[in-house]
C-alpha atoms as a PDB file:
ATOM      1  CA  MET A   1       0.000   0.000   0.000  1.00  0.00           C
ATOM      2  CA  ILE A   2       1.381   3.401  -1.042  1.00  0.00           C
ATOM      3  CA  LYS A   3       1.826   5.731   1.901  1.00  0.00           C
ATOM      4  CA  LYS A   4      -0.104   8.972   1.437  1.00  0.00           C
ATOM      5  CA  PRO A   5       1.576  12.291   2.302  1.00  0.00           C
ATOM      6  CA  LYS A   6       0.356  13.825   5.549  1.00  0.00           C
ATOM      7  CA  VAL A   7      -1.250  17.225   4.942  1.00  0.00           C
ATOM      8  CA  ALA A   8      -2.776  19.744   7.350  1.00  0.00           C
ATOM      9  CA  PHE A   9      -4.634  23.047   6.991  1.00  0.00           C
ATOM     10  CA  PHE A  10      -4.277  25.379   9.962  1.00  0.00           C
ATOM     11  CA  SER A  11      -6.234  28.572  10.512  1.00  0.00           C
ATOM     12  CA  LEU A  12      -4.854  31.328  12.734  1.00  0.00           C
ATOM     13  CA  THR A  13      -6.660  34.677  13.145  1.00  0.00           C
ATOM     14  CA  SER A  14      -8.369  35.196   9.792  1.00  0.00           C
ATOM     15  CA  CYS A  15     -11.692  35.319   7.968  1.00  0.00           C
ATOM     16  CA  GLU A  16     -11.005  31.762   6.689  1.00  0.00           C
ATOM     17  CA  GLY A  17     -11.836  32.979   3.183  1.00  0.00           C
ATOM     18  CA  CYS A  18      -8.917  31.052   1.693  1.00  0.00           C
ATOM     19  CA  GLN A  19     -10.249  27.782   3.072  1.00  0.00           C
ATOM     20  CA  PHE A  20     -13.694  28.594   1.688  1.00  0.00           C
ATOM     21  CA  ALA A  21     -12.058  29.199  -1.708  1.00  0.00           C
ATOM     22  CA  LEU A  22     -10.861  25.590  -1.561  1.00  0.00           C
ATOM     23  CA  LEU A  23     -14.262  24.238  -0.556  1.00  0.00           C
ATOM     24  CA  ASP A  24     -15.769  26.201  -3.441  1.00  0.00           C
ATOM     25  CA  LEU A  25     -13.801  23.910  -5.758  1.00  0.00           C
ATOM     26  CA  GLY A  26     -16.216  21.163  -4.765  1.00  0.00           C
ATOM     27  CA  GLU A  27     -15.334  17.707  -6.042  1.00  0.00           C
ATOM     28  CA  LYS A  28     -11.963  18.906  -7.395  1.00  0.00           C
ATOM     29  CA  PHE A  29     -10.785  19.693  -3.879  1.00  0.00           C
ATOM     30  CA  PHE A  30     -12.048  16.430  -2.442  1.00  0.00           C
ATOM     31  CA  ASP A  31     -10.282  14.563  -5.241  1.00  0.00           C
ATOM     32  CA  PHE A  32      -7.094  16.202  -3.965  1.00  0.00           C
ATOM     33  CA  LEU A  33      -7.886  15.218  -0.366  1.00  0.00           C
ATOM     34  CA  ARG A  34      -8.279  11.572  -1.416  1.00  0.00           C
ATOM     35  CA  LYS A  35      -4.612  11.605  -2.387  1.00  0.00           C
ATOM     36  CA  VAL A  36      -3.432  12.697   1.068  1.00  0.00           C
ATOM     37  CA  ASP A  37      -3.715  11.748   4.706  1.00  0.00           C
ATOM     38  CA  LEU A  38      -5.586  14.767   6.130  1.00  0.00           C
ATOM     39  CA  ILE A  39      -4.336  15.656   9.617  1.00  0.00           C
ATOM     40  CA  ASP A  40      -6.317  18.866  10.177  1.00  0.00           C
ATOM     41  CA  PHE A  41      -8.878  21.070   8.397  1.00  0.00           C
ATOM     42  CA  SER A  42     -11.186  22.876  10.812  1.00  0.00           C
ATOM     43  CA  LEU A  43     -13.887  23.716   8.254  1.00  0.00           C
ATOM     44  CA  ILE A  44     -14.325  20.012   7.490  1.00  0.00           C
ATOM     45  CA  GLU A  45     -13.812  18.584  10.966  1.00  0.00           C
ATOM     46  CA  GLU A  46     -12.444  19.892  14.243  1.00  0.00           C
ATOM     47  CA  MET A  47      -9.299  17.920  15.004  1.00  0.00           C
ATOM     48  CA  PRO A  48      -7.032  18.499  18.015  1.00  0.00           C
ATOM     49  CA  PHE A  49      -3.377  18.955  17.131  1.00  0.00           C
ATOM     50  CA  PRO A  50      -1.855  15.463  17.242  1.00  0.00           C
ATOM     51  CA  LYS A  51       0.190  14.769  20.353  1.00  0.00           C
ATOM     52  CA  GLY A  52       3.795  13.700  20.146  1.00  0.00           C
ATOM     53  CA  LYS A  53       5.856  13.750  16.966  1.00  0.00           C
ATOM     54  CA  VAL A  54       3.690  13.787  13.849  1.00  0.00           C
ATOM     55  CA  LYS A  55       5.930  14.848  10.966  1.00  0.00           C
ATOM     56  CA  ILE A  56       3.469  16.441   8.590  1.00  0.00           C
ATOM     57  CA  ASP A  57       4.650  16.515   4.988  1.00  0.00           C
ATOM     58  CA  VAL A  58       2.926  19.798   4.092  1.00  0.00           C
ATOM     59  CA  SER A  59       1.232  22.289   6.416  1.00  0.00           C
ATOM     60  CA  PHE A  60      -0.866  25.048   4.875  1.00  0.00           C
ATOM     61  CA  VAL A  61      -1.258  28.001   7.249  1.00  0.00           C
ATOM     62  CA  GLU A  62      -3.896  30.681   6.790  1.00  0.00           C
ATOM     63  CA  GLY A  63      -4.103  33.861   8.857  1.00  0.00           C
ATOM     64  CA  LEU A  64      -1.944  35.620  11.420  1.00  0.00           C
ATOM     65  CA  PRO A  65      -0.705  34.759  14.910  1.00  0.00           C
ATOM     66  CA  ILE A  66      -2.325  37.427  17.082  1.00  0.00           C
ATOM     67  CA  ARG A  67      -2.503  35.660  20.435  1.00  0.00           C
ATOM     68  CA  LYS A  68       0.401  34.070  22.306  1.00  0.00           C
ATOM     69  CA  GLU A  69      -1.292  30.687  21.901  1.00  0.00           C
ATOM     70  CA  GLU A  70      -1.255  31.103  18.135  1.00  0.00           C
ATOM     71  CA  ILE A  71       2.446  31.935  18.081  1.00  0.00           C
ATOM     72  CA  LYS A  72       3.095  28.804  20.121  1.00  0.00           C
ATOM     73  CA  LEU A  73       0.927  26.746  17.748  1.00  0.00           C
ATOM     74  CA  LEU A  74       2.677  28.194  14.684  1.00  0.00           C
ATOM     75  CA  LYS A  75       6.081  27.235  16.062  1.00  0.00           C
ATOM     76  CA  LYS A  76       4.827  23.726  16.792  1.00  0.00           C
ATOM     77  CA  ILE A  77       3.471  23.465  13.240  1.00  0.00           C
ATOM     78  CA  ARG A  78       6.881  24.489  11.895  1.00  0.00           C
ATOM     79  CA  LYS A  79       8.647  21.939  14.072  1.00  0.00           C
ATOM     80  CA  GLU A  80       6.407  19.107  12.873  1.00  0.00           C
ATOM     81  CA  SER A  81       6.291  20.069   9.164  1.00  0.00           C
ATOM     82  CA  LYS A  82       8.660  19.228   6.335  1.00  0.00           C
ATOM     83  CA  ILE A  83       7.139  22.029   4.224  1.00  0.00           C
ATOM     84  CA  LEU A  84       5.242  25.024   5.614  1.00  0.00           C
ATOM     85  CA  VAL A  85       3.146  27.078   3.198  1.00  0.00           C
ATOM     86  CA  ALA A  86       1.743  30.553   3.882  1.00  0.00           C
ATOM     87  CA  VAL A  87      -1.742  30.574   2.387  1.00  0.00           C
ATOM     88  CA  GLY A  88      -3.203  33.912   1.365  1.00  0.00           C
ATOM     89  CA  ASN A  89      -2.464  37.566   1.852  1.00  0.00           C
ATOM     90  CA  CYS A  90      -2.845  37.680   5.655  1.00  0.00           C
ATOM     91  CA  ALA A  91      -0.300  34.938   6.320  1.00  0.00           C
ATOM     92  CA  ALA A  92       2.131  36.173   3.679  1.00  0.00           C
ATOM     93  CA  LEU A  93       1.872  39.970   3.882  1.00  0.00           C
ATOM     94  CA  GLY A  94      -0.141  40.906   6.952  1.00  0.00           C
ATOM     95  CA  GLY A  95      -3.253  41.591   4.923  1.00  0.00           C
ATOM     96  CA  ILE A  96      -6.054  43.914   5.889  1.00  0.00           C
ATOM     97  CA  PRO A  97      -5.361  43.388   9.649  1.00  0.00           C
ATOM     98  CA  GLU A  98      -1.972  45.075   9.161  1.00  0.00           C
ATOM     99  CA  MET A  99      -3.739  48.380   8.445  1.00  0.00           C
ATOM    100  CA  LYS A 100      -3.993  48.688  12.224  1.00  0.00           C
ATOM    101  CA  ASN A 101      -0.217  49.193  12.397  1.00  0.00           C
ATOM    102  CA  TYR A 102      -0.492  52.382  10.341  1.00  0.00           C
ATOM    103  CA  GLN A 103      -3.570  53.904  11.955  1.00  0.00           C
ATOM    104  CA  GLY A 104      -2.725  53.843  15.647  1.00  0.00           C
ATOM    105  CA  LYS A 105      -3.144  50.507  17.414  1.00  0.00           C
ATOM    106  CA  GLU A 106      -4.719  51.906  20.578  1.00  0.00           C
ATOM    107  CA  ARG A 107      -7.236  54.075  18.774  1.00  0.00           C
ATOM    108  CA  THR A 108      -8.267  51.198  16.519  1.00  0.00           C
ATOM    109  CA  ILE A 109      -8.617  48.639  19.306  1.00  0.00           C
ATOM    110  CA  ARG A 110     -10.742  51.020  21.379  1.00  0.00           C
ATOM    111  CA  TYR A 111     -13.028  51.650  18.420  1.00  0.00           C
ATOM    112  CA  ILE A 112     -13.825  47.924  18.329  1.00  0.00           C
ATOM    113  CA  TYR A 113     -13.414  46.944  21.995  1.00  0.00           C
ATOM    114  CA  ARG A 114     -14.439  49.999  23.995  1.00  0.00           C
ATOM    115  CA  LYS A 115     -13.990  48.497  27.450  1.00  0.00           C
ATOM    116  CA  LEU A 116     -12.799  44.927  26.998  1.00  0.00           C
ATOM    117  CA  ASN A 117      -9.046  44.376  27.357  1.00  0.00           C
ATOM    118  CA  VAL A 118      -7.694  42.208  24.552  1.00  0.00           C
ATOM    119  CA  GLU A 119      -4.232  41.446  23.220  1.00  0.00           C
ATOM    120  CA  ASN A 120      -3.206  44.229  20.860  1.00  0.00           C
ATOM    121  CA  PRO A 121       0.158  43.312  19.318  1.00  0.00           C
ATOM    122  CA  GLU A 122       1.799  44.675  16.192  1.00  0.00           C
ATOM    123  CA  ILE A 123       0.494  42.740  13.203  1.00  0.00           C
ATOM    124  CA  LYS A 124       3.244  40.584  11.685  1.00  0.00           C
ATOM    125  CA  GLU A 125       3.391  38.081   8.842  1.00  0.00           C
ATOM    126  CA  ILE A 126       4.051  34.485   9.826  1.00  0.00           C
ATOM    127  CA  ASP A 127       7.607  34.567   8.453  1.00  0.00           C
ATOM    128  CA  ASN A 128       8.478  36.839  11.377  1.00  0.00           C
ATOM    129  CA  PHE A 129       8.019  33.823  13.643  1.00  0.00           C
ATOM    130  CA  VAL A 130       8.929  30.778  11.542  1.00  0.00           C
ATOM    131  CA  LYS A 131      10.597  29.817   8.268  1.00  0.00           C
ATOM    132  CA  VAL A 132       8.129  29.781   5.362  1.00  0.00           C
ATOM    133  CA  ASP A 133       8.972  27.494   2.451  1.00  0.00           C
ATOM    134  CA  PHE A 134       6.385  28.664  -0.065  1.00  0.00           C
ATOM    135  CA  ILE A 135       3.621  31.242  -0.479  1.00  0.00           C
ATOM    136  CA  ILE A 136       0.274  30.835  -2.222  1.00  0.00           C
ATOM    137  CA  PRO A 137      -0.787  34.470  -2.655  1.00  0.00           C
ATOM    138  CA  GLY A 138      -4.128  36.242  -2.968  1.00  0.00           C
ATOM    139  CA  CYS A 139      -7.075  37.553  -0.983  1.00  0.00           C
ATOM    140  CA  PRO A 140      -8.559  35.035  -1.115  1.00  0.00           C
ATOM    141  CA  ILE A 141      -6.354  32.525  -2.894  1.00  0.00           C
ATOM    142  CA  ASP A 142      -7.375  31.122  -6.253  1.00  0.00           C
ATOM    143  CA  GLY A 143      -8.495  27.521  -5.794  1.00  0.00           C
ATOM    144  CA  GLU A 144      -7.204  26.318  -9.164  1.00  0.00           C
ATOM    145  CA  GLU A 145      -3.814  27.891  -8.486  1.00  0.00           C
ATOM    146  CA  PHE A 146      -3.739  26.110  -5.123  1.00  0.00           C
ATOM    147  CA  LEU A 147      -4.330  22.722  -6.754  1.00  0.00           C
ATOM    148  CA  LYS A 148      -1.548  23.363  -9.282  1.00  0.00           C
ATOM    149  CA  TYR A 149       1.024  24.143  -6.591  1.00  0.00           C
ATOM    150  CA  ALA A 150      -0.263  21.622  -4.028  1.00  0.00           C
ATOM    151  CA  LYS A 151       0.329  18.773  -6.480  1.00  0.00           C
ATOM    152  CA  GLU A 152       4.065  19.548  -6.450  1.00  0.00           C
ATOM    153  CA  LEU A 153       4.222  20.367  -2.745  1.00  0.00           C
ATOM    154  CA  ILE A 154       2.872  16.967  -1.649  1.00  0.00           C
ATOM    155  CA  GLU A 155       5.605  15.410  -3.790  1.00  0.00           C
ATOM    156  CA  GLY A 156       8.154  17.313  -1.707  1.00  0.00           C
ATOM    157  CA  LYS A 157       8.912  19.884  -4.427  1.00  0.00           C
ATOM    158  CA  ILE A 158       8.903  23.675  -4.120  1.00  0.00           C
ATOM    159  CA  PRO A 159       7.083  25.002  -7.218  1.00  0.00           C
ATOM    160  CA  GLU A 160       8.507  27.550  -9.612  1.00  0.00           C
ATOM    161  CA  VAL A 161       6.329  30.661  -9.764  1.00  0.00           C
ATOM    162  CA  PRO A 162       6.028  32.659 -13.029  1.00  0.00           C
ATOM    163  CA  LYS A 163       7.716  36.052 -12.575  1.00  0.00           C
ATOM    164  CA  LYS A 164       5.247  38.207 -14.474  1.00  0.00           C
ATOM    165  CA  PRO A 165       3.168  41.216 -13.385  1.00  0.00           C
ATOM    166  CA  VAL A 166      -0.617  41.467 -13.222  1.00  0.00           C
ATOM    167  CA  CYS A 167      -0.429  43.769 -16.274  1.00  0.00           C
ATOM    168  CA  PHE A 168       0.686  40.746 -18.296  1.00  0.00           C
ATOM    169  CA  GLU A 169      -2.718  39.165 -17.670  1.00  0.00           C
ATOM    170  CA  CYS A 170      -4.946  42.171 -18.377  1.00  0.00           C
ATOM    171  CA  PRO A 171      -4.964  41.800 -22.197  1.00  0.00           C
ATOM    172  CA  LYS A 172      -5.619  38.055 -21.857  1.00  0.00           C
ATOM    173  CA  GLN A 173      -8.768  38.822 -19.857  1.00  0.00           C
ATOM    174  CA  GLY A 174     -10.036  41.283 -22.423  1.00  0.00           C
ATOM    175  CA  THR A 175      -9.377  44.265 -20.187  1.00  0.00           C
ATOM    176  CA  GLU A 176      -9.503  47.201 -22.550  1.00  0.00           C
ATOM    177  CA  ASN A 177      -9.142  50.204 -20.260  1.00  0.00           C
ATOM    178  CA  CYS A 178      -5.787  50.619 -18.495  1.00  0.00           C
ATOM    179  CA  PHE A 179      -6.194  52.457 -15.209  1.00  0.00           C
ATOM    180  CA  LEU A 180      -2.727  53.977 -15.471  1.00  0.00           C
ATOM    181  CA  ARG A 181      -3.619  55.542 -18.789  1.00  0.00           C
ATOM    182  CA  LYS A 182      -6.575  57.112 -16.980  1.00  0.00           C
ATOM    183  CA  LYS A 183      -4.154  58.350 -14.290  1.00  0.00           C
ATOM    184  CA  GLU A 184      -5.431  55.982 -11.607  1.00  0.00           C
ATOM    185  CA  PRO A 185      -2.898  54.408  -9.174  1.00  0.00           C
ATOM    186  CA  CYS A 186      -3.196  50.766 -10.243  1.00  0.00           C
ATOM    187  CA  LEU A 187      -0.357  48.627  -8.830  1.00  0.00           C
ATOM    188  CA  GLY A 188      -0.528  46.003 -11.584  1.00  0.00           C
ATOM    189  CA  PRO A 189       2.985  46.628 -12.993  1.00  0.00           C
ATOM    190  CA  ILE A 190       4.726  45.662  -9.733  1.00  0.00           C
ATOM    191  CA  ILE A 191       2.449  42.852  -8.465  1.00  0.00           C
ATOM    192  CA  PHE A 192       2.712  39.086  -9.037  1.00  0.00           C
ATOM    193  CA  SER A 193       0.385  37.701 -11.685  1.00  0.00           C
ATOM    194  CA  GLY A 194      -1.667  34.525 -11.312  1.00  0.00           C
ATOM    195  CA  CYS A 195      -5.024  36.024 -10.368  1.00  0.00           C
ATOM    196  CA  GLY A 196      -6.230  36.428 -13.942  1.00  0.00           C
ATOM    197  CA  ALA A 197      -6.290  40.206 -13.403  1.00  0.00           C
ATOM    198  CA  VAL A 198      -9.634  39.678 -11.690  1.00  0.00           C
ATOM    199  CA  CYS A 199      -9.801  43.198 -10.216  1.00  0.00           C
ATOM    200  CA  PRO A 200      -9.012  45.195 -13.397  1.00  0.00           C
ATOM    201  CA  LYS A 201     -11.312  42.844 -15.296  1.00  0.00           C
ATOM    202  CA  ASN A 202     -14.109  43.938 -12.958  1.00  0.00           C
ATOM    203  CA  ASN A 203     -13.213  47.621 -13.229  1.00  0.00           C
ATOM    204  CA  GLN A 204     -11.278  47.770  -9.946  1.00  0.00           C
ATOM    205  CA  LEU A 205      -7.707  48.886  -9.323  1.00  0.00           C
ATOM    206  CA  CYS A 206      -5.064  46.343  -8.418  1.00  0.00           C
ATOM    207  CA  TYR A 207      -4.170  46.983  -4.766  1.00  0.00           C
ATOM    208  CA  GLY A 208      -1.430  44.366  -4.553  1.00  0.00           C
ATOM    209  CA  CYS A 209      -2.925  41.467  -2.597  1.00  0.00           C
ATOM    210  CA  ARG A 210      -0.509  39.017  -4.259  1.00  0.00           C
ATOM    211  CA  GLY A 211       2.667  40.813  -3.216  1.00  0.00           C
ATOM    212  CA  ILE A 212       5.506  42.550  -5.008  1.00  0.00           C
ATOM    213  CA  LEU A 213       7.050  40.924  -8.058  1.00  0.00           C
ATOM    214  CA  LYS A 214      10.496  39.482  -7.321  1.00  0.00           C
ATOM    215  CA  GLY A 215      13.580  40.860  -9.001  1.00  0.00           C
ATOM    216  CA  ILE A 216      12.349  44.425  -9.459  1.00  0.00           C
ATOM    217  CA  ASN A 217      12.738  47.705  -7.630  1.00  0.00           C
ATOM    218  CA  PRO A 218       9.221  49.197  -7.413  1.00  0.00           C
ATOM    219  CA  LEU A 219      10.251  52.595  -6.043  1.00  0.00           C
ATOM    220  CA  GLY A 220      10.654  54.197  -9.482  1.00  0.00           C
ATOM    221  CA  PHE A 221       7.134  53.141 -10.435  1.00  0.00           C
ATOM    222  CA  LEU A 222       5.710  54.557  -7.205  1.00  0.00           C
ATOM    223  CA  GLU A 223       7.488  57.852  -7.877  1.00  0.00           C
ATOM    224  CA  SER A 224       5.798  58.013 -11.263  1.00  0.00           C
ATOM    225  CA  LEU A 225       2.389  57.662  -9.590  1.00  0.00           C
ATOM    226  CA  LYS A 226       3.062  60.921  -7.740  1.00  0.00           C
ATOM    227  CA  LYS A 227       2.701  62.766 -11.053  1.00  0.00           C
ATOM    228  CA  PHE A 228      -1.065  62.385 -10.808  1.00  0.00           C
ATOM    229  CA  LYS A 229      -1.844  61.272  -7.230  1.00  0.00           C
ATOM    230  CA  THR A 230      -0.829  62.645  -3.860  1.00  0.00           C
ATOM    231  CA  GLU A 231       1.593  60.722  -1.665  1.00  0.00           C
ATOM    232  CA  GLU A 232      -1.173  60.244   0.911  1.00  0.00           C
ATOM    233  CA  GLU A 233      -3.493  58.675  -1.671  1.00  0.00           C
ATOM    234  CA  ILE A 234      -0.760  56.298  -2.780  1.00  0.00           C
ATOM    235  CA  GLU A 235       0.105  55.376   0.813  1.00  0.00           C
ATOM    236  CA  ASP A 236      -3.547  54.572   1.513  1.00  0.00           C
ATOM    237  CA  ASN A 237      -3.566  52.086  -1.373  1.00  0.00           C
ATOM    238  CA  LEU A 238      -0.330  50.453  -0.210  1.00  0.00           C
ATOM    239  CA  GLU A 239      -1.764  49.848   3.261  1.00  0.00           C
ATOM    240  CA  ILE A 240      -4.844  47.890   2.164  1.00  0.00           C
ATOM    241  CA  PHE A 241      -3.169  44.510   1.651  1.00  0.00           C
ATOM    242  CA  GLY A 242       0.011  44.930   3.679  1.00  0.00           C
ATOM    243  CA  ILE A 243       2.621  45.683   1.019  1.00  0.00           C
ATOM    244  CA  LYS A 244       3.638  49.009   2.567  1.00  0.00           C
ATOM    245  CA  ASP A 245       6.170  47.437   4.914  1.00  0.00           C
ATOM    246  CA  GLU A 246       7.530  45.335   2.036  1.00  0.00           C
ATOM    247  CA  LEU A 247       8.311  48.528   0.157  1.00  0.00           C
ATOM    248  CA  GLU A 248      10.214  49.903   3.147  1.00  0.00           C
ATOM    249  CA  LYS A 249      12.809  47.170   2.568  1.00  0.00           C
ATOM    250  CA  PHE A 250      13.622  48.637  -0.839  1.00  0.00           C
ATOM    251  CA  LYS A 251      14.185  52.079   0.689  1.00  0.00           C
ATOM    252  CA  THR A 252      16.908  50.696   2.949  1.00  0.00           C
ATOM    253  CA  LYS A 253      18.825  48.922   0.177  1.00  0.00           C
END
């Protein structure tokens, strides 16, 4: 009998939208699950973290570690996993929760929890706590893209990701109107493709949920945006999906 690879899906603080994107695949996703030994997937069945040494082949982690218990769990996941994958924008880039870092943590927490005392840490991507082997980007992720990469991951391989911008996909989707030509701050030229340019296709700007394209310096492009948008407007767009702190790394190079 062929031994199936052990696979787990863990959800930290998140909306769990990426897991729902997988369930939306229907039978395609369950065909994938039949090929693996499923250790954990909370939206299918609540399973306590296995005791002792488990050695999971691939752990997919969605969301952020906000509470101390989640940081502890994340480190345990890393210890027990051969491959750890950050699933979605929150895990990889801080996501929408990271906006709190730029708007005053105390003010924001008091707007939501007026009297209740809750943990209010700085929002950090999971690679601040553990080594991440691969990222499946998006908010939420694309289910078909997940299946493509997961097939290689369960074989112990780290997939090669096409290094092309979202703008590469716009013409393929029949997107006729370029936001940049209309002097709108679309981030498509500096963002990883793979989403099918779903936002521009639906007449929305690209706000960078898939992260910055590797091997480029995006600062020149951002400077060009200042010709028709204020710095504050551009900063607001960079904060939505957590790429603002990624750009700070380029400023220090």
